[in-house]
Amino acid sequence: MVKQIDVKKEIRAQIVGALANANFPIRTGKDLLAAFPNGAETTCQAGNVKMTAGEAGKILYMSDFPFESAESVADTILARAGL
């Protein structure tokens, strides 16, 4: 059985990796989706957790922007998703 902490760590690493070539700061949700390799269809999966960038974008607020790093994107998405 995969522990929740391992799932969180793996999803975070996948988000950070997917945004490795993004140009920061990212100022809008549209720009964030465009920064993912496959746009809204970019998928992160670990254990029984599966999330697309499009789904993750729905839990962000305009007040979350601008994002200054891939790590801040990942941490915000994970917090909002309850992971």
PDB file of N, CA and C in Angstrom:
ATOM      1  N   MET A   1       0.843  -1.188   0.000  1.00  0.00           N
ATOM      2  CA  MET A   1       0.000   0.000   0.000  1.00  0.00           C
ATOM      3  C   MET A   1       0.889   1.252   0.000  1.00  0.00           C
ATOM      4  N   VAL A   2       0.554   2.193  -0.852  1.00  0.00           N
ATOM      5  CA  VAL A   2       1.322   3.430  -0.953  1.00  0.00           C
ATOM      6  C   VAL A   2       0.855   4.393   0.138  1.00  0.00           C
ATOM      7  N   LYS A   3       1.779   4.931   0.875  1.00  0.00           N
ATOM      8  CA  LYS A   3       1.435   5.886   1.924  1.00  0.00           C
ATOM      9  C   LYS A   3       1.067   7.226   1.309  1.00  0.00           C
ATOM     10  N   GLN A   4       0.169   7.960   1.975  1.00  0.00           N
ATOM     11  CA  GLN A   4      -0.273   9.266   1.481  1.00  0.00           C
ATOM     12  C   GLN A   4       0.900  10.214   1.269  1.00  0.00           C
ATOM     13  N   ILE A   5       1.877  10.197   2.164  1.00  0.00           N
ATOM     14  CA  ILE A   5       3.029  11.089   2.037  1.00  0.00           C
ATOM     15  C   ILE A   5       3.814  10.778   0.768  1.00  0.00           C
ATOM     16  N   ASP A   6       3.906   9.492   0.411  1.00  0.00           N
ATOM     17  CA  ASP A   6       4.606   9.100  -0.803  1.00  0.00           C
ATOM     18  C   ASP A   6       3.860   9.582  -2.042  1.00  0.00           C
ATOM     19  N   VAL A   7       2.532   9.505  -2.009  1.00  0.00           N
ATOM     20  CA  VAL A   7       1.705   9.982  -3.113  1.00  0.00           C
ATOM     21  C   VAL A   7       1.909  11.487  -3.281  1.00  0.00           C
ATOM     22  N   LYS A   8       1.848  12.206  -2.192  1.00  0.00           N
ATOM     23  CA  LYS A   8       2.037  13.657  -2.241  1.00  0.00           C
ATOM     24  C   LYS A   8       3.420  14.004  -2.809  1.00  0.00           C
ATOM     25  N   LYS A   9       4.428  13.310  -2.334  1.00  0.00           N
ATOM     26  CA  LYS A   9       5.796  13.562  -2.781  1.00  0.00           C
ATOM     27  C   LYS A   9       5.944  13.273  -4.274  1.00  0.00           C
ATOM     28  N   GLU A  10       5.348  12.192  -4.734  1.00  0.00           N
ATOM     29  CA  GLU A  10       5.446  11.808  -6.143  1.00  0.00           C
ATOM     30  C   GLU A  10       4.673  12.784  -7.038  1.00  0.00           C
ATOM     31  N   ILE A  11       3.467  13.148  -6.642  1.00  0.00           N
ATOM     32  CA  ILE A  11       2.682  14.108  -7.436  1.00  0.00           C
ATOM     33  C   ILE A  11       3.418  15.439  -7.495  1.00  0.00           C
ATOM     34  N   ARG A  12       3.971  15.876  -6.369  1.00  0.00           N
ATOM     35  CA  ARG A  12       4.715  17.141  -6.337  1.00  0.00           C
ATOM     36  C   ARG A  12       5.887  17.079  -7.312  1.00  0.00           C
ATOM     37  N   ALA A  13       6.629  15.976  -7.276  1.00  0.00           N
ATOM     38  CA  ALA A  13       7.784  15.822  -8.168  1.00  0.00           C
ATOM     39  C   ALA A  13       7.352  15.829  -9.638  1.00  0.00           C
ATOM     40  N   GLN A  14       6.205  15.232  -9.934  1.00  0.00           N
ATOM     41  CA  GLN A  14       5.714  15.207 -11.306  1.00  0.00           C
ATOM     42  C   GLN A  14       5.310  16.609 -11.782  1.00  0.00           C
ATOM     43  N   ILE A  15       4.652  17.368 -10.918  1.00  0.00           N
ATOM     44  CA  ILE A  15       4.261  18.739 -11.278  1.00  0.00           C
ATOM     45  C   ILE A  15       5.507  19.591 -11.514  1.00  0.00           C
ATOM     46  N   VAL A  16       6.457  19.518 -10.580  1.00  0.00           N
ATOM     47  CA  VAL A  16       7.690  20.291 -10.704  1.00  0.00           C
ATOM     48  C   VAL A  16       8.427  19.886 -11.983  1.00  0.00           C
ATOM     49  N   GLY A  17       8.499  18.597 -12.264  1.00  0.00           N
ATOM     50  CA  GLY A  17       9.156  18.121 -13.467  1.00  0.00           C
ATOM     51  C   GLY A  17       8.462  18.587 -14.738  1.00  0.00           C
ATOM     52  N   ALA A  18       7.138  18.584 -14.722  1.00  0.00           N
ATOM     53  CA  ALA A  18       6.370  19.006 -15.893  1.00  0.00           C
ATOM     54  C   ALA A  18       6.574  20.491 -16.192  1.00  0.00           C
ATOM     55  N   LEU A  19       6.876  21.260 -15.160  1.00  0.00           N
ATOM     56  CA  LEU A  19       7.065  22.705 -15.325  1.00  0.00           C
ATOM     57  C   LEU A  19       8.545  23.098 -15.396  1.00  0.00           C
ATOM     58  N   ALA A  20       9.408  22.133 -15.583  1.00  0.00           N
ATOM     59  CA  ALA A  20      10.849  22.384 -15.579  1.00  0.00           C
ATOM     60  C   ALA A  20      11.278  23.407 -16.631  1.00  0.00           C
ATOM     61  N   ASN A  21      10.605  23.452 -17.750  1.00  0.00           N
ATOM     62  CA  ASN A  21      10.983  24.377 -18.820  1.00  0.00           C
ATOM     63  C   ASN A  21      10.093  25.614 -18.895  1.00  0.00           C
ATOM     64  N   ALA A  22       9.244  25.792 -17.903  1.00  0.00           N
ATOM     65  CA  ALA A  22       8.331  26.941 -17.899  1.00  0.00           C
ATOM     66  C   ALA A  22       9.087  28.226 -17.604  1.00  0.00           C
ATOM     67  N   ASN A  23       8.571  29.308 -18.140  1.00  0.00           N
ATOM     68  CA  ASN A  23       9.137  30.629 -17.870  1.00  0.00           C
ATOM     69  C   ASN A  23       8.338  31.292 -16.759  1.00  0.00           C
ATOM     70  N   PHE A  24       8.993  31.547 -15.654  1.00  0.00           N
ATOM     71  CA  PHE A  24       8.344  32.181 -14.502  1.00  0.00           C
ATOM     72  C   PHE A  24       8.736  33.643 -14.448  1.00  0.00           C
ATOM     73  N   PRO A  25       7.918  34.517 -13.897  1.00  0.00           N
ATOM     74  CA  PRO A  25       6.656  34.217 -13.228  1.00  0.00           C
ATOM     75  C   PRO A  25       5.543  33.877 -14.219  1.00  0.00           C
ATOM     76  N   ILE A  26       4.602  33.073 -13.742  1.00  0.00           N
ATOM     77  CA  ILE A  26       3.397  32.742 -14.498  1.00  0.00           C
ATOM     78  C   ILE A  26       2.266  33.541 -13.875  1.00  0.00           C
ATOM     79  N   ARG A  27       1.609  34.352 -14.697  1.00  0.00           N
ATOM     80  CA  ARG A  27       0.657  35.336 -14.184  1.00  0.00           C
ATOM     81  C   ARG A  27      -0.815  34.964 -14.291  1.00  0.00           C
ATOM     82  N   THR A  28      -1.154  33.981 -15.129  1.00  0.00           N
ATOM     83  CA  THR A  28      -2.567  33.626 -15.302  1.00  0.00           C
ATOM     84  C   THR A  28      -2.734  32.116 -15.409  1.00  0.00           C
ATOM     85  N   GLY A  29      -3.956  31.665 -15.202  1.00  0.00           N
ATOM     86  CA  GLY A  29      -4.260  30.255 -15.357  1.00  0.00           C
ATOM     87  C   GLY A  29      -4.024  29.775 -16.776  1.00  0.00           C
ATOM     88  N   LYS A  30      -4.360  30.598 -17.745  1.00  0.00           N
ATOM     89  CA  LYS A  30      -4.136  30.256 -19.154  1.00  0.00           C
ATOM     90  C   LYS A  30      -2.648  30.043 -19.418  1.00  0.00           C
ATOM     91  N   ASP A  31      -1.817  30.939 -18.879  1.00  0.00           N
ATOM     92  CA  ASP A  31      -0.368  30.801 -19.046  1.00  0.00           C
ATOM     93  C   ASP A  31       0.159  29.563 -18.329  1.00  0.00           C
ATOM     94  N   LEU A  32      -0.435  29.235 -17.179  1.00  0.00           N
ATOM     95  CA  LEU A  32      -0.013  28.048 -16.439  1.00  0.00           C
ATOM     96  C   LEU A  32      -0.321  26.787 -17.237  1.00  0.00           C
ATOM     97  N   LEU A  33      -1.520  26.688 -17.777  1.00  0.00           N
ATOM     98  CA  LEU A  33      -1.863  25.512 -18.579  1.00  0.00           C
ATOM     99  C   LEU A  33      -0.953  25.399 -19.797  1.00  0.00           C
ATOM    100  N   ALA A  34      -0.640  26.520 -20.405  1.00  0.00           N
ATOM    101  CA  ALA A  34       0.241  26.521 -21.576  1.00  0.00           C
ATOM    102  C   ALA A  34       1.657  26.082 -21.221  1.00  0.00           C
ATOM    103  N   ALA A  35       2.048  26.245 -19.966  1.00  0.00           N
ATOM    104  CA  ALA A  35       3.396  25.887 -19.526  1.00  0.00           C
ATOM    105  C   ALA A  35       3.572  24.375 -19.356  1.00  0.00           C
ATOM    106  N   PHE A  36       2.481  23.646 -19.191  1.00  0.00           N
ATOM    107  CA  PHE A  36       2.570  22.191 -19.057  1.00  0.00           C
ATOM    108  C   PHE A  36       2.802  21.569 -20.432  1.00  0.00           C
ATOM    109  N   PRO A  37       3.603  20.501 -20.511  1.00  0.00           N
ATOM    110  CA  PRO A  37       3.974  19.903 -21.797  1.00  0.00           C
ATOM    111  C   PRO A  37       2.782  19.533 -22.688  1.00  0.00           C
ATOM    112  N   ASN A  38       1.726  19.006 -22.100  1.00  0.00           N
ATOM    113  CA  ASN A  38       0.539  18.613 -22.860  1.00  0.00           C
ATOM    114  C   ASN A  38      -0.661  19.478 -22.494  1.00  0.00           C
ATOM    115  N   GLY A  39      -0.370  20.703 -22.060  1.00  0.00           N
ATOM    116  CA  GLY A  39      -1.450  21.621 -21.695  1.00  0.00           C
ATOM    117  C   GLY A  39      -2.336  21.041 -20.612  1.00  0.00           C
ATOM    118  N   ALA A  40      -3.650  21.253 -20.757  1.00  0.00           N
ATOM    119  CA  ALA A  40      -4.616  20.805 -19.749  1.00  0.00           C
ATOM    120  C   ALA A  40      -4.647  19.287 -19.604  1.00  0.00           C
ATOM    121  N   GLU A  41      -4.170  18.569 -20.615  1.00  0.00           N
ATOM    122  CA  GLU A  41      -4.191  17.104 -20.580  1.00  0.00           C
ATOM    123  C   GLU A  41      -2.975  16.496 -19.874  1.00  0.00           C
ATOM    124  N   THR A  42      -1.997  17.310 -19.489  1.00  0.00           N
ATOM    125  CA  THR A  42      -0.838  16.797 -18.750  1.00  0.00           C
ATOM    126  C   THR A  42      -1.357  16.109 -17.496  1.00  0.00           C
ATOM    127  N   THR A  43      -0.927  14.879 -17.264  1.00  0.00           N
ATOM    128  CA  THR A  43      -1.463  14.072 -16.166  1.00  0.00           C
ATOM    129  C   THR A  43      -0.370  13.664 -15.196  1.00  0.00           C
ATOM    130  N   CYS A  44      -0.692  13.806 -13.913  1.00  0.00           N
ATOM    131  CA  CYS A  44       0.176  13.320 -12.840  1.00  0.00           C
ATOM    132  C   CYS A  44      -0.578  12.194 -12.143  1.00  0.00           C
ATOM    133  N   GLN A  45       0.144  11.120 -11.805  1.00  0.00           N
ATOM    134  CA  GLN A  45      -0.510   9.990 -11.168  1.00  0.00           C
ATOM    135  C   GLN A  45       0.438   9.316 -10.196  1.00  0.00           C
ATOM    136  N   ALA A  46      -0.086   8.986  -9.025  1.00  0.00           N
ATOM    137  CA  ALA A  46       0.653   8.224  -8.015  1.00  0.00           C
ATOM    138  C   ALA A  46      -0.365   7.509  -7.140  1.00  0.00           C
ATOM    139  N   GLY A  47      -0.135   6.248  -6.878  1.00  0.00           N
ATOM    140  CA  GLY A  47      -1.096   5.489  -6.085  1.00  0.00           C
ATOM    141  C   GLY A  47      -2.452   5.545  -6.761  1.00  0.00           C
ATOM    142  N   ASN A  48      -3.483   5.882  -5.988  1.00  0.00           N
ATOM    143  CA  ASN A  48      -4.826   5.978  -6.556  1.00  0.00           C
ATOM    144  C   ASN A  48      -5.213   7.425  -6.875  1.00  0.00           C
ATOM    145  N   VAL A  49      -4.236   8.319  -6.895  1.00  0.00           N
ATOM    146  CA  VAL A  49      -4.478   9.725  -7.200  1.00  0.00           C
ATOM    147  C   VAL A  49      -4.045  10.010  -8.637  1.00  0.00           C
ATOM    148  N   LYS A  50      -4.975  10.562  -9.404  1.00  0.00           N
ATOM    149  CA  LYS A  50      -4.691  10.940 -10.783  1.00  0.00           C
ATOM    150  C   LYS A  50      -5.309  12.313 -11.010  1.00  0.00           C
ATOM    151  N   MET A  51      -4.512  13.223 -11.558  1.00  0.00           N
ATOM    152  CA  MET A  51      -4.974  14.595 -11.739  1.00  0.00           C
ATOM    153  C   MET A  51      -4.387  15.163 -13.020  1.00  0.00           C
ATOM    154  N   THR A  52      -5.238  15.827 -13.814  1.00  0.00           N
ATOM    155  CA  THR A  52      -4.732  16.520 -14.995  1.00  0.00           C
ATOM    156  C   THR A  52      -4.462  17.976 -14.632  1.00  0.00           C
ATOM    157  N   ALA A  53      -3.673  18.632 -15.444  1.00  0.00           N
ATOM    158  CA  ALA A  53      -3.403  20.051 -15.224  1.00  0.00           C
ATOM    159  C   ALA A  53      -4.696  20.845 -15.309  1.00  0.00           C
ATOM    160  N   GLY A  54      -5.596  20.434 -16.205  1.00  0.00           N
ATOM    161  CA  GLY A  54      -6.886  21.117 -16.323  1.00  0.00           C
ATOM    162  C   GLY A  54      -7.699  21.013 -15.051  1.00  0.00           C
ATOM    163  N   GLU A  55      -7.708  19.841 -14.435  1.00  0.00           N
ATOM    164  CA  GLU A  55      -8.422  19.659 -13.162  1.00  0.00           C
ATOM    165  C   GLU A  55      -7.769  20.477 -12.063  1.00  0.00           C
ATOM    166  N   ALA A  56      -6.446  20.463 -12.036  1.00  0.00           N
ATOM    167  CA  ALA A  56      -5.720  21.227 -11.011  1.00  0.00           C
ATOM    168  C   ALA A  56      -5.988  22.715 -11.166  1.00  0.00           C
ATOM    169  N   GLY A  57      -6.060  23.182 -12.399  1.00  0.00           N
ATOM    170  CA  GLY A  57      -6.305  24.595 -12.645  1.00  0.00           C
ATOM    171  C   GLY A  57      -7.636  25.075 -12.103  1.00  0.00           C
ATOM    172  N   LYS A  58      -8.598  24.171 -11.983  1.00  0.00           N
ATOM    173  CA  LYS A  58      -9.931  24.539 -11.489  1.00  0.00           C
ATOM    174  C   LYS A  58      -9.944  24.833  -9.993  1.00  0.00           C
ATOM    175  N   ILE A  59      -8.905  24.414  -9.274  1.00  0.00           N
ATOM    176  CA  ILE A  59      -8.873  24.649  -7.824  1.00  0.00           C
ATOM    177  C   ILE A  59      -7.978  25.828  -7.445  1.00  0.00           C
ATOM    178  N   LEU A  60      -7.434  26.499  -8.456  1.00  0.00           N
ATOM    179  CA  LEU A  60      -6.607  27.687  -8.198  1.00  0.00           C
ATOM    180  C   LEU A  60      -7.455  28.941  -8.307  1.00  0.00           C
ATOM    181  N   TYR A  61      -7.027  29.985  -7.611  1.00  0.00           N
ATOM    182  CA  TYR A  61      -7.715  31.273  -7.632  1.00  0.00           C
ATOM    183  C   TYR A  61      -6.816  32.308  -8.287  1.00  0.00           C
ATOM    184  N   MET A  62      -7.421  33.339  -8.844  1.00  0.00           N
ATOM    185  CA  MET A  62      -6.626  34.419  -9.425  1.00  0.00           C
ATOM    186  C   MET A  62      -5.666  35.009  -8.393  1.00  0.00           C
ATOM    187  N   SER A  63      -6.066  35.005  -7.138  1.00  0.00           N
ATOM    188  CA  SER A  63      -5.204  35.549  -6.081  1.00  0.00           C
ATOM    189  C   SER A  63      -3.960  34.700  -5.847  1.00  0.00           C
ATOM    190  N   ASP A  64      -3.930  33.467  -6.383  1.00  0.00           N
ATOM    191  CA  ASP A  64      -2.744  32.615  -6.261  1.00  0.00           C
ATOM    192  C   ASP A  64      -1.614  33.079  -7.179  1.00  0.00           C
ATOM    193  N   PHE A  65      -1.956  33.844  -8.187  1.00  0.00           N
ATOM    194  CA  PHE A  65      -0.986  34.301  -9.181  1.00  0.00           C
ATOM    195  C   PHE A  65      -0.388  35.634  -8.780  1.00  0.00           C
ATOM    196  N   PRO A  66       0.823  35.938  -9.194  1.00  0.00           N
ATOM    197  CA  PRO A  66       1.683  35.138 -10.065  1.00  0.00           C
ATOM    198  C   PRO A  66       2.408  34.052  -9.275  1.00  0.00           C
ATOM    199  N   PHE A  67       2.738  32.988  -9.981  1.00  0.00           N
ATOM    200  CA  PHE A  67       3.585  31.939  -9.420  1.00  0.00           C
ATOM    201  C   PHE A  67       5.016  32.237  -9.825  1.00  0.00           C
ATOM    202  N   GLU A  68       5.921  32.119  -8.867  1.00  0.00           N
ATOM    203  CA  GLU A  68       7.334  32.424  -9.104  1.00  0.00           C
ATOM    204  C   GLU A  68       8.182  31.188  -9.374  1.00  0.00           C
ATOM    205  N   SER A  69       7.632  29.981  -9.113  1.00  0.00           N
ATOM    206  CA  SER A  69       8.414  28.756  -9.304  1.00  0.00           C
ATOM    207  C   SER A  69       7.492  27.558  -9.478  1.00  0.00           C
ATOM    208  N   ALA A  70       8.053  26.502 -10.051  1.00  0.00           N
ATOM    209  CA  ALA A  70       7.300  25.256 -10.200  1.00  0.00           C
ATOM    210  C   ALA A  70       6.935  24.687  -8.830  1.00  0.00           C
ATOM    211  N   GLU A  71       7.820  24.860  -7.879  1.00  0.00           N
ATOM    212  CA  GLU A  71       7.566  24.358  -6.520  1.00  0.00           C
ATOM    213  C   GLU A  71       6.358  25.049  -5.895  1.00  0.00           C
ATOM    214  N   SER A  72       6.228  26.348  -6.118  1.00  0.00           N
ATOM    215  CA  SER A  72       5.080  27.062  -5.540  1.00  0.00           C
ATOM    216  C   SER A  72       3.782  26.633  -6.211  1.00  0.00           C
ATOM    217  N   VAL A  73       3.822  26.330  -7.509  1.00  0.00           N
ATOM    218  CA  VAL A  73       2.645  25.801  -8.200  1.00  0.00           C
ATOM    219  C   VAL A  73       2.257  24.465  -7.580  1.00  0.00           C
ATOM    220  N   ALA A  74       3.218  23.570  -7.453  1.00  0.00           N
ATOM    221  CA  ALA A  74       2.959  22.236  -6.911  1.00  0.00           C
ATOM    222  C   ALA A  74       2.421  22.314  -5.488  1.00  0.00           C
ATOM    223  N   ASP A  75       3.030  23.121  -4.649  1.00  0.00           N
ATOM    224  CA  ASP A  75       2.602  23.214  -3.254  1.00  0.00           C
ATOM    225  C   ASP A  75       1.178  23.760  -3.145  1.00  0.00           C
ATOM    226  N   THR A  76       0.840  24.728  -3.972  1.00  0.00           N
ATOM    227  CA  THR A  76      -0.504  25.308  -3.935  1.00  0.00           C
ATOM    228  C   THR A  76      -1.538  24.298  -4.416  1.00  0.00           C
ATOM    229  N   ILE A  77      -1.249  23.610  -5.513  1.00  0.00           N
ATOM    230  CA  ILE A  77      -2.183  22.610  -6.030  1.00  0.00           C
ATOM    231  C   ILE A  77      -2.389  21.484  -5.002  1.00  0.00           C
ATOM    232  N   LEU A  78      -1.312  21.002  -4.411  1.00  0.00           N
ATOM    233  CA  LEU A  78      -1.429  19.911  -3.433  1.00  0.00           C
ATOM    234  C   LEU A  78      -2.220  20.342  -2.204  1.00  0.00           C
ATOM    235  N   ALA A  79      -2.005  21.557  -1.751  1.00  0.00           N
ATOM    236  CA  ALA A  79      -2.746  22.050  -0.581  1.00  0.00           C
ATOM    237  C   ALA A  79      -4.245  22.147  -0.896  1.00  0.00           C
ATOM    238  N   ARG A  80      -4.572  22.691  -2.058  1.00  0.00           N
ATOM    239  CA  ARG A  80      -5.974  22.839  -2.441  1.00  0.00           C
ATOM    240  C   ARG A  80      -6.647  21.502  -2.675  1.00  0.00           C
ATOM    241  N   ALA A  81      -5.890  20.517  -3.145  1.00  0.00           N
ATOM    242  CA  ALA A  81      -6.427  19.195  -3.426  1.00  0.00           C
ATOM    243  C   ALA A  81      -6.548  18.359  -2.148  1.00  0.00           C
ATOM    244  N   GLY A  82      -6.055  18.890  -1.040  1.00  0.00           N
ATOM    245  CA  GLY A  82      -6.136  18.165   0.220  1.00  0.00           C
ATOM    246  C   GLY A  82      -5.113  17.062   0.369  1.00  0.00           C
ATOM    247  N   LEU A  83      -4.022  17.167  -0.374  1.00  0.00           N
ATOM    248  CA  LEU A  83      -2.972  16.142  -0.266  1.00  0.00           C
ATOM    249  C   LEU A  83      -1.849  16.591   0.639  1.00  0.00           C
TER     250      LEU A  83
END
